Amino acid sequence: MLKQLLLKGGLGLVICATGLAGFPVSGQATEVIIAQSSAEMAASDISEQELKKFAKAIADLRAIDEETQSQMIKAVQDIGMSPEEFMEIGKTEDDQRNLSQEKQDQFEKALEAVRTLNEKDRQKKRVAVEEAGLKISRFNEIGKMVENDRDLQKQVVEILSR
């Protein structure tokens, strides 16, 4: 997953992922771990050790994403909806939904479950970055540099493939 995203130049998507994996959050802006760094930094500002820590954090974030996605799918199914149905309803504006009251109630319960899992996901990701040995701010800086530097992207992919 990271390799695909790195090759497509979308590392920020991995870093910013909140674990929703396509589930709607009813028009609310999703909080992300990563804030855009205002200052561009040179790749030489990253030590090999920091790059290894960054790669470890990325691997951990991917595992958290996979776990959260599975939990969200199960939560939606447990409420009696398919993930596809949930996402389709979520794409429709509130005032344009032609749902029965029962279906609307199901959707709202599923949405609440997804939001709860999303919040837990964000907390787990913060802990994972810190446990990898980086402060969130430094992780953000490195992420921005890696996103904009193909050589750093290759190095991260190499570290992850070991």
N, C-alpha and C. Protein backbone atom coordinates (compact mmCIF):
# COMPACT_ATOMS: atom_id res chain seq x y z
N MET A 1 0.83 -1.19 0.00
CA MET A 1 0.00 0.00 0.00
C MET A 1 0.87 1.25 0.00
N LEU A 2 1.84 1.32 0.90
CA LEU A 2 2.70 2.50 0.94
C LEU A 2 3.47 2.61 -0.36
N LYS A 3 3.98 1.48 -0.84
CA LYS A 3 4.76 1.53 -2.07
C LYS A 3 3.92 2.09 -3.20
N GLN A 4 2.67 1.64 -3.32
CA GLN A 4 1.78 2.16 -4.36
C GLN A 4 1.56 3.65 -4.17
N LEU A 5 1.31 4.06 -2.95
CA LEU A 5 1.05 5.47 -2.69
C LEU A 5 2.30 6.31 -2.91
N LEU A 6 3.46 5.78 -2.52
CA LEU A 6 4.70 6.52 -2.74
C LEU A 6 4.94 6.70 -4.23
N LEU A 7 4.74 5.63 -4.98
CA LEU A 7 4.98 5.71 -6.41
C LEU A 7 3.99 6.63 -7.10
N LYS A 8 2.81 6.79 -6.54
CA LYS A 8 1.82 7.69 -7.10
C LYS A 8 1.96 9.10 -6.55
N GLY A 9 2.93 9.30 -5.67
CA GLY A 9 3.16 10.61 -5.10
C GLY A 9 2.13 10.98 -4.05
N GLY A 10 1.49 10.00 -3.46
CA GLY A 10 0.44 10.27 -2.49
C GLY A 10 0.77 9.87 -1.08
N LEU A 11 2.00 10.02 -0.69
CA LEU A 11 2.38 9.64 0.68
C LEU A 11 1.52 10.37 1.69
N GLY A 12 1.17 11.60 1.41
CA GLY A 12 0.33 12.36 2.33
C GLY A 12 -0.97 11.65 2.64
N LEU A 13 -1.49 10.87 1.69
CA LEU A 13 -2.72 10.14 1.93
C LEU A 13 -2.53 9.09 3.00
N VAL A 14 -1.38 8.42 2.97
CA VAL A 14 -1.11 7.42 4.01
C VAL A 14 -0.95 8.11 5.35
N ILE A 15 -0.20 9.19 5.35
CA ILE A 15 0.08 9.88 6.59
C ILE A 15 -1.21 10.49 7.15
N CYS A 16 -2.01 11.04 6.26
CA CYS A 16 -3.21 11.75 6.71
C CYS A 16 -4.38 10.82 6.96
N ALA A 17 -4.24 9.58 6.55
CA ALA A 17 -5.37 8.66 6.67
C ALA A 17 -5.89 8.61 8.09
N THR A 18 -7.17 8.61 8.20
CA THR A 18 -7.76 8.55 9.52
C THR A 18 -8.37 7.19 9.79
N GLY A 19 -8.30 6.33 8.81
CA GLY A 19 -8.87 5.01 8.99
C GLY A 19 -10.28 4.91 8.49
N LEU A 20 -10.83 5.93 7.92
CA LEU A 20 -12.20 5.85 7.43
C LEU A 20 -12.33 4.92 6.25
N ALA A 21 -11.27 4.79 5.47
CA ALA A 21 -11.26 3.87 4.33
C ALA A 21 -12.50 4.03 3.46
N GLY A 22 -12.86 5.23 3.17
CA GLY A 22 -13.96 5.47 2.28
C GLY A 22 -15.29 5.72 2.95
N PHE A 23 -15.39 5.55 4.24
CA PHE A 23 -16.64 5.79 4.92
C PHE A 23 -16.87 7.29 5.07
N PRO A 24 -18.09 7.76 4.86
CA PRO A 24 -18.36 9.19 4.98
C PRO A 24 -18.42 9.63 6.43
N VAL A 25 -18.15 10.90 6.65
CA VAL A 25 -18.24 11.46 7.99
C VAL A 25 -19.24 12.62 7.93
N SER A 26 -20.26 12.44 7.14
CA SER A 26 -21.38 13.37 7.07
C SER A 26 -20.94 14.82 6.89
N GLY A 27 -20.04 15.04 5.94
CA GLY A 27 -19.66 16.39 5.58
C GLY A 27 -18.71 17.09 6.52
N GLN A 28 -18.37 16.49 7.64
CA GLN A 28 -17.46 17.13 8.58
C GLN A 28 -16.04 16.97 8.08
N ALA A 29 -15.24 18.00 8.31
CA ALA A 29 -13.82 17.89 7.97
C ALA A 29 -13.20 16.89 8.92
N THR A 30 -12.45 15.97 8.35
CA THR A 30 -11.83 14.94 9.16
C THR A 30 -10.52 15.45 9.72
N GLU A 31 -10.35 15.32 11.02
CA GLU A 31 -9.09 15.71 11.66
C GLU A 31 -8.00 14.78 11.15
N VAL A 32 -6.86 15.31 10.89
CA VAL A 32 -5.75 14.49 10.44
C VAL A 32 -4.58 14.65 11.38
N ILE A 33 -3.70 13.68 11.36
CA ILE A 33 -2.51 13.74 12.19
C ILE A 33 -1.58 14.81 11.66
N ILE A 34 -1.52 14.90 10.37
CA ILE A 34 -0.50 15.71 9.73
C ILE A 34 -1.02 17.11 9.42
N ALA A 35 -0.29 18.10 9.86
CA ALA A 35 -0.56 19.48 9.47
C ALA A 35 0.48 19.83 8.42
N GLN A 36 0.10 20.58 7.43
CA GLN A 36 1.04 20.93 6.37
C GLN A 36 2.16 21.80 6.95
N SER A 37 3.37 21.45 6.63
CA SER A 37 4.52 22.22 7.09
C SER A 37 4.66 23.44 6.20
N SER A 38 4.81 24.62 6.82
CA SER A 38 4.91 25.84 6.04
C SER A 38 6.29 26.03 5.44
N ALA A 39 7.28 25.46 6.04
CA ALA A 39 8.64 25.63 5.54
C ALA A 39 9.10 24.35 4.85
N GLU A 40 9.63 24.49 3.66
CA GLU A 40 10.19 23.34 2.96
C GLU A 40 11.57 23.07 3.56
N MET A 41 11.86 21.80 3.79
CA MET A 41 13.15 21.46 4.36
C MET A 41 13.91 20.58 3.38
N ALA A 42 15.21 20.59 3.45
CA ALA A 42 16.05 19.79 2.58
C ALA A 42 16.11 18.36 3.08
N ALA A 43 16.25 17.44 2.14
CA ALA A 43 16.32 16.02 2.49
C ALA A 43 17.51 15.74 3.40
N SER A 44 18.54 16.55 3.31
CA SER A 44 19.72 16.33 4.15
C SER A 44 19.43 16.59 5.62
N ASP A 45 18.28 17.18 5.93
CA ASP A 45 17.90 17.44 7.31
C ASP A 45 17.36 16.19 8.01
N ILE A 46 17.25 15.10 7.28
CA ILE A 46 16.72 13.86 7.86
C ILE A 46 17.87 12.87 8.01
N SER A 47 18.06 12.41 9.24
CA SER A 47 19.10 11.40 9.47
C SER A 47 18.56 10.03 9.05
N GLU A 48 19.47 9.11 8.84
CA GLU A 48 19.08 7.73 8.49
C GLU A 48 18.21 7.13 9.61
N GLN A 49 18.58 7.44 10.84
CA GLN A 49 17.82 6.94 11.99
C GLN A 49 16.39 7.47 11.98
N GLU A 50 16.25 8.77 11.69
CA GLU A 50 14.90 9.36 11.63
C GLU A 50 14.08 8.75 10.50
N LEU A 51 14.73 8.49 9.37
CA LEU A 51 14.02 7.90 8.24
C LEU A 51 13.54 6.50 8.60
N LYS A 52 14.36 5.76 9.36
CA LYS A 52 13.95 4.42 9.81
C LYS A 52 12.76 4.52 10.77
N LYS A 53 12.80 5.48 11.67
CA LYS A 53 11.68 5.69 12.59
C LYS A 53 10.42 6.07 11.82
N PHE A 54 10.59 6.93 10.83
CA PHE A 54 9.46 7.35 10.00
C PHE A 54 8.85 6.13 9.29
N ALA A 55 9.70 5.31 8.69
CA ALA A 55 9.21 4.11 7.99
C ALA A 55 8.49 3.17 8.95
N LYS A 56 9.03 3.02 10.15
CA LYS A 56 8.36 2.18 11.17
C LYS A 56 6.99 2.72 11.48
N ALA A 57 6.91 4.05 11.65
CA ALA A 57 5.61 4.67 11.93
C ALA A 57 4.65 4.44 10.78
N ILE A 58 5.12 4.57 9.55
CA ILE A 58 4.26 4.35 8.38
C ILE A 58 3.73 2.92 8.37
N ALA A 59 4.59 1.96 8.65
CA ALA A 59 4.16 0.55 8.69
C ALA A 59 3.11 0.35 9.78
N ASP A 60 3.33 0.96 10.93
CA ASP A 60 2.37 0.84 12.03
C ASP A 60 1.04 1.51 11.67
N LEU A 61 1.10 2.67 11.00
CA LEU A 61 -0.12 3.36 10.61
C LEU A 61 -0.92 2.53 9.61
N ARG A 62 -0.22 1.87 8.73
CA ARG A 62 -0.91 1.00 7.76
C ARG A 62 -1.65 -0.13 8.47
N ALA A 63 -1.00 -0.74 9.45
CA ALA A 63 -1.63 -1.82 10.20
C ALA A 63 -2.85 -1.30 10.96
N ILE A 64 -2.74 -0.11 11.52
CA ILE A 64 -3.87 0.49 12.23
C ILE A 64 -5.01 0.75 11.25
N ASP A 65 -4.69 1.26 10.07
CA ASP A 65 -5.71 1.50 9.05
C ASP A 65 -6.47 0.21 8.71
N GLU A 66 -5.72 -0.86 8.50
CA GLU A 66 -6.34 -2.13 8.13
C GLU A 66 -7.26 -2.63 9.25
N GLU A 67 -6.77 -2.54 10.48
CA GLU A 67 -7.57 -2.98 11.62
C GLU A 67 -8.85 -2.14 11.75
N THR A 68 -8.70 -0.84 11.64
CA THR A 68 -9.85 0.05 11.78
C THR A 68 -10.86 -0.17 10.66
N GLN A 69 -10.37 -0.36 9.44
CA GLN A 69 -11.28 -0.60 8.32
C GLN A 69 -12.11 -1.86 8.57
N SER A 70 -11.47 -2.91 9.03
CA SER A 70 -12.20 -4.15 9.34
C SER A 70 -13.24 -3.93 10.44
N GLN A 71 -12.85 -3.17 11.47
CA GLN A 71 -13.79 -2.89 12.56
C GLN A 71 -14.98 -2.06 12.07
N MET A 72 -14.72 -1.11 11.19
CA MET A 72 -15.80 -0.27 10.67
C MET A 72 -16.76 -1.08 9.81
N ILE A 73 -16.22 -1.93 8.97
CA ILE A 73 -17.07 -2.78 8.14
C ILE A 73 -17.94 -3.66 9.02
N LYS A 74 -17.34 -4.26 10.04
CA LYS A 74 -18.10 -5.12 10.95
C LYS A 74 -19.17 -4.32 11.69
N ALA A 75 -18.83 -3.12 12.15
CA ALA A 75 -19.79 -2.29 12.88
C ALA A 75 -20.99 -1.94 12.01
N VAL A 76 -20.73 -1.59 10.77
CA VAL A 76 -21.82 -1.25 9.85
C VAL A 76 -22.67 -2.48 9.57
N GLN A 77 -22.04 -3.62 9.35
CA GLN A 77 -22.78 -4.86 9.09
C GLN A 77 -23.58 -5.30 10.31
N ASP A 78 -23.02 -5.13 11.49
CA ASP A 78 -23.73 -5.50 12.71
C ASP A 78 -25.01 -4.70 12.90
N ILE A 79 -25.04 -3.51 12.35
CA ILE A 79 -26.23 -2.66 12.45
C ILE A 79 -27.25 -3.03 11.37
N GLY A 80 -26.83 -3.86 10.42
CA GLY A 80 -27.77 -4.34 9.41
C GLY A 80 -27.63 -3.67 8.06
N MET A 81 -26.50 -3.03 7.82
CA MET A 81 -26.28 -2.38 6.53
C MET A 81 -25.02 -2.97 5.89
N SER A 82 -24.97 -2.89 4.57
CA SER A 82 -23.73 -3.26 3.89
C SER A 82 -22.86 -2.01 3.85
N PRO A 83 -21.55 -2.20 3.80
CA PRO A 83 -20.67 -1.03 3.68
C PRO A 83 -20.98 -0.19 2.44
N GLU A 84 -21.34 -0.86 1.35
CA GLU A 84 -21.67 -0.13 0.12
C GLU A 84 -22.91 0.74 0.30
N GLU A 85 -23.93 0.19 0.96
CA GLU A 85 -25.16 0.94 1.22
C GLU A 85 -24.87 2.13 2.14
N PHE A 86 -24.07 1.89 3.16
CA PHE A 86 -23.71 2.96 4.08
C PHE A 86 -22.99 4.09 3.35
N MET A 87 -22.03 3.75 2.51
CA MET A 87 -21.28 4.78 1.78
C MET A 87 -22.18 5.52 0.79
N GLU A 88 -23.07 4.80 0.14
CA GLU A 88 -23.97 5.44 -0.82
C GLU A 88 -24.89 6.44 -0.12
N ILE A 89 -25.45 6.06 1.00
CA ILE A 89 -26.31 6.98 1.76
C ILE A 89 -25.49 8.18 2.23
N GLY A 90 -24.28 7.92 2.67
CA GLY A 90 -23.41 8.99 3.15
C GLY A 90 -23.04 10.00 2.09
N LYS A 91 -23.03 9.59 0.83
CA LYS A 91 -22.71 10.50 -0.27
C LYS A 91 -23.87 11.45 -0.59
N THR A 92 -25.06 11.08 -0.19
CA THR A 92 -26.25 11.86 -0.49
C THR A 92 -26.44 12.94 0.57
N GLU A 93 -26.75 14.14 0.14
CA GLU A 93 -27.01 15.23 1.08
C GLU A 93 -28.18 14.87 1.99
N ASP A 94 -28.09 15.31 3.26
CA ASP A 94 -29.11 14.98 4.26
C ASP A 94 -30.52 15.29 3.78
N ASP A 95 -30.72 16.45 3.20
CA ASP A 95 -32.06 16.87 2.81
C ASP A 95 -32.54 16.21 1.51
N GLN A 96 -31.69 15.43 0.86
CA GLN A 96 -32.08 14.77 -0.38
C GLN A 96 -32.23 13.26 -0.22
N ARG A 97 -32.13 12.79 0.98
CA ARG A 97 -32.27 11.35 1.23
C ARG A 97 -33.74 10.98 1.30
N ASN A 98 -34.08 9.96 0.55
CA ASN A 98 -35.45 9.43 0.60
C ASN A 98 -35.40 8.08 1.30
N LEU A 99 -35.18 8.11 2.60
CA LEU A 99 -35.04 6.89 3.38
C LEU A 99 -36.23 6.72 4.31
N SER A 100 -36.55 5.46 4.55
CA SER A 100 -37.55 5.19 5.58
C SER A 100 -36.94 5.60 6.92
N GLN A 101 -37.79 5.80 7.91
CA GLN A 101 -37.28 6.16 9.23
C GLN A 101 -36.37 5.07 9.77
N GLU A 102 -36.72 3.82 9.52
CA GLU A 102 -35.91 2.70 9.98
C GLU A 102 -34.51 2.74 9.35
N LYS A 103 -34.46 2.99 8.04
CA LYS A 103 -33.18 3.03 7.34
C LYS A 103 -32.36 4.25 7.79
N GLN A 104 -33.03 5.38 8.03
CA GLN A 104 -32.34 6.57 8.53
C GLN A 104 -31.74 6.31 9.91
N ASP A 105 -32.52 5.65 10.76
CA ASP A 105 -32.03 5.31 12.10
C ASP A 105 -30.82 4.37 12.02
N GLN A 106 -30.90 3.38 11.12
CA GLN A 106 -29.78 2.46 10.93
C GLN A 106 -28.54 3.23 10.50
N PHE A 107 -28.72 4.12 9.54
CA PHE A 107 -27.59 4.89 9.04
C PHE A 107 -26.97 5.73 10.16
N GLU A 108 -27.79 6.38 10.95
CA GLU A 108 -27.27 7.23 12.03
C GLU A 108 -26.51 6.41 13.07
N LYS A 109 -27.02 5.21 13.39
CA LYS A 109 -26.31 4.34 14.33
C LYS A 109 -24.97 3.90 13.75
N ALA A 110 -24.98 3.55 12.47
CA ALA A 110 -23.74 3.13 11.82
C ALA A 110 -22.75 4.28 11.77
N LEU A 111 -23.24 5.47 11.47
CA LEU A 111 -22.38 6.65 11.39
C LEU A 111 -21.75 6.94 12.75
N GLU A 112 -22.51 6.82 13.80
CA GLU A 112 -21.97 7.04 15.15
C GLU A 112 -20.90 6.01 15.47
N ALA A 113 -21.13 4.75 15.09
CA ALA A 113 -20.14 3.70 15.33
C ALA A 113 -18.85 4.00 14.56
N VAL A 114 -18.99 4.44 13.32
CA VAL A 114 -17.83 4.76 12.50
C VAL A 114 -17.07 5.95 13.09
N ARG A 115 -17.78 6.96 13.54
CA ARG A 115 -17.12 8.12 14.15
C ARG A 115 -16.35 7.72 15.40
N THR A 116 -16.94 6.87 16.21
CA THR A 116 -16.26 6.41 17.43
C THR A 116 -14.98 5.65 17.07
N LEU A 117 -15.08 4.77 16.11
CA LEU A 117 -13.90 4.02 15.68
C LEU A 117 -12.85 4.95 15.06
N ASN A 118 -13.32 5.96 14.35
CA ASN A 118 -12.41 6.93 13.74
C ASN A 118 -11.62 7.68 14.82
N GLU A 119 -12.27 8.07 15.88
CA GLU A 119 -11.58 8.77 16.97
C GLU A 119 -10.54 7.86 17.62
N LYS A 120 -10.90 6.61 17.85
CA LYS A 120 -9.95 5.65 18.42
C LYS A 120 -8.76 5.46 17.48
N ASP A 121 -9.04 5.43 16.19
CA ASP A 121 -8.02 5.28 15.17
C ASP A 121 -7.01 6.43 15.24
N ARG A 122 -7.50 7.64 15.34
CA ARG A 122 -6.61 8.81 15.42
C ARG A 122 -5.72 8.74 16.66
N GLN A 123 -6.30 8.32 17.77
CA GLN A 123 -5.51 8.21 19.00
C GLN A 123 -4.42 7.14 18.85
N LYS A 124 -4.78 6.00 18.27
CA LYS A 124 -3.81 4.92 18.07
C LYS A 124 -2.68 5.39 17.17
N LYS A 125 -3.02 6.18 16.16
CA LYS A 125 -1.99 6.67 15.23
C LYS A 125 -1.04 7.63 15.92
N ARG A 126 -1.56 8.47 16.75
CA ARG A 126 -0.68 9.39 17.48
C ARG A 126 0.31 8.60 18.35
N VAL A 127 -0.21 7.60 19.04
CA VAL A 127 0.63 6.77 19.90
C VAL A 127 1.66 6.02 19.06
N ALA A 128 1.24 5.49 17.91
CA ALA A 128 2.16 4.74 17.05
C ALA A 128 3.33 5.60 16.57
N VAL A 129 3.03 6.83 16.19
CA VAL A 129 4.10 7.74 15.75
C VAL A 129 5.06 8.00 16.89
N GLU A 130 4.53 8.28 18.06
CA GLU A 130 5.39 8.56 19.22
C GLU A 130 6.18 7.32 19.64
N GLU A 131 5.55 6.15 19.59
CA GLU A 131 6.26 4.92 19.95
C GLU A 131 7.34 4.57 18.95
N ALA A 132 7.20 5.05 17.71
CA ALA A 132 8.25 4.83 16.72
C ALA A 132 9.45 5.72 17.00
N GLY A 133 9.28 6.67 17.94
CA GLY A 133 10.39 7.50 18.34
C GLY A 133 10.40 8.90 17.75
N LEU A 134 9.27 9.32 17.21
CA LEU A 134 9.18 10.66 16.63
C LEU A 134 8.08 11.47 17.29
N LYS A 135 8.32 12.76 17.39
CA LYS A 135 7.25 13.67 17.80
C LYS A 135 6.37 13.88 16.58
N ILE A 136 5.10 14.14 16.81
CA ILE A 136 4.16 14.34 15.70
C ILE A 136 4.67 15.44 14.77
N SER A 137 5.16 16.53 15.32
CA SER A 137 5.64 17.64 14.48
C SER A 137 6.79 17.20 13.57
N ARG A 138 7.71 16.40 14.11
CA ARG A 138 8.84 15.93 13.28
C ARG A 138 8.35 14.93 12.24
N PHE A 139 7.43 14.07 12.63
CA PHE A 139 6.84 13.13 11.67
C PHE A 139 6.22 13.91 10.52
N ASN A 140 5.51 14.98 10.84
CA ASN A 140 4.90 15.83 9.82
C ASN A 140 5.95 16.41 8.88
N GLU A 141 7.02 16.93 9.45
CA GLU A 141 8.08 17.53 8.64
C GLU A 141 8.70 16.50 7.70
N ILE A 142 9.01 15.34 8.25
CA ILE A 142 9.61 14.29 7.43
C ILE A 142 8.63 13.85 6.35
N GLY A 143 7.37 13.70 6.71
CA GLY A 143 6.36 13.31 5.74
C GLY A 143 6.28 14.27 4.58
N LYS A 144 6.34 15.54 4.86
CA LYS A 144 6.29 16.57 3.81
C LYS A 144 7.52 16.45 2.92
N MET A 145 8.69 16.26 3.54
CA MET A 145 9.92 16.13 2.75
C MET A 145 9.88 14.88 1.88
N VAL A 146 9.44 13.76 2.45
CA VAL A 146 9.38 12.52 1.69
C VAL A 146 8.37 12.65 0.55
N GLU A 147 7.27 13.28 0.81
CA GLU A 147 6.24 13.44 -0.21
C GLU A 147 6.77 14.21 -1.42
N ASN A 148 7.69 15.12 -1.18
CA ASN A 148 8.19 15.98 -2.26
C ASN A 148 9.55 15.56 -2.81
N ASP A 149 10.08 14.42 -2.39
CA ASP A 149 11.42 14.03 -2.80
C ASP A 149 11.43 12.55 -3.20
N ARG A 150 11.59 12.29 -4.48
CA ARG A 150 11.56 10.90 -4.98
C ARG A 150 12.66 10.04 -4.38
N ASP A 151 13.83 10.62 -4.15
CA ASP A 151 14.92 9.84 -3.55
C ASP A 151 14.56 9.38 -2.14
N LEU A 152 13.96 10.28 -1.36
CA LEU A 152 13.53 9.89 -0.01
C LEU A 152 12.41 8.85 -0.09
N GLN A 153 11.53 8.99 -1.05
CA GLN A 153 10.46 8.01 -1.23
C GLN A 153 11.05 6.62 -1.47
N LYS A 154 12.05 6.56 -2.34
CA LYS A 154 12.71 5.28 -2.62
C LYS A 154 13.37 4.71 -1.37
N GLN A 155 13.99 5.58 -0.58
CA GLN A 155 14.65 5.11 0.63
C GLN A 155 13.62 4.54 1.62
N VAL A 156 12.48 5.20 1.75
CA VAL A 156 11.43 4.71 2.66
C VAL A 156 10.92 3.36 2.17
N VAL A 157 10.67 3.25 0.88
CA VAL A 157 10.21 1.96 0.32
C VAL A 157 11.24 0.88 0.58
N GLU A 158 12.49 1.20 0.41
CA GLU A 158 13.56 0.24 0.66
C GLU A 158 13.58 -0.21 2.12
N ILE A 159 13.48 0.74 3.01
CA ILE A 159 13.47 0.42 4.45
C ILE A 159 12.27 -0.47 4.78
N LEU A 160 11.12 -0.16 4.21
CA LEU A 160 9.91 -0.94 4.49
C LEU A 160 9.99 -2.36 3.93
N SER A 161 10.73 -2.54 2.86
CA SER A 161 10.80 -3.85 2.23
C SER A 161 11.81 -4.78 2.88
N ARG A 162 12.56 -4.27 3.86
CA ARG A 162 13.56 -5.11 4.56
C ARG A 162 12.91 -6.04 5.53
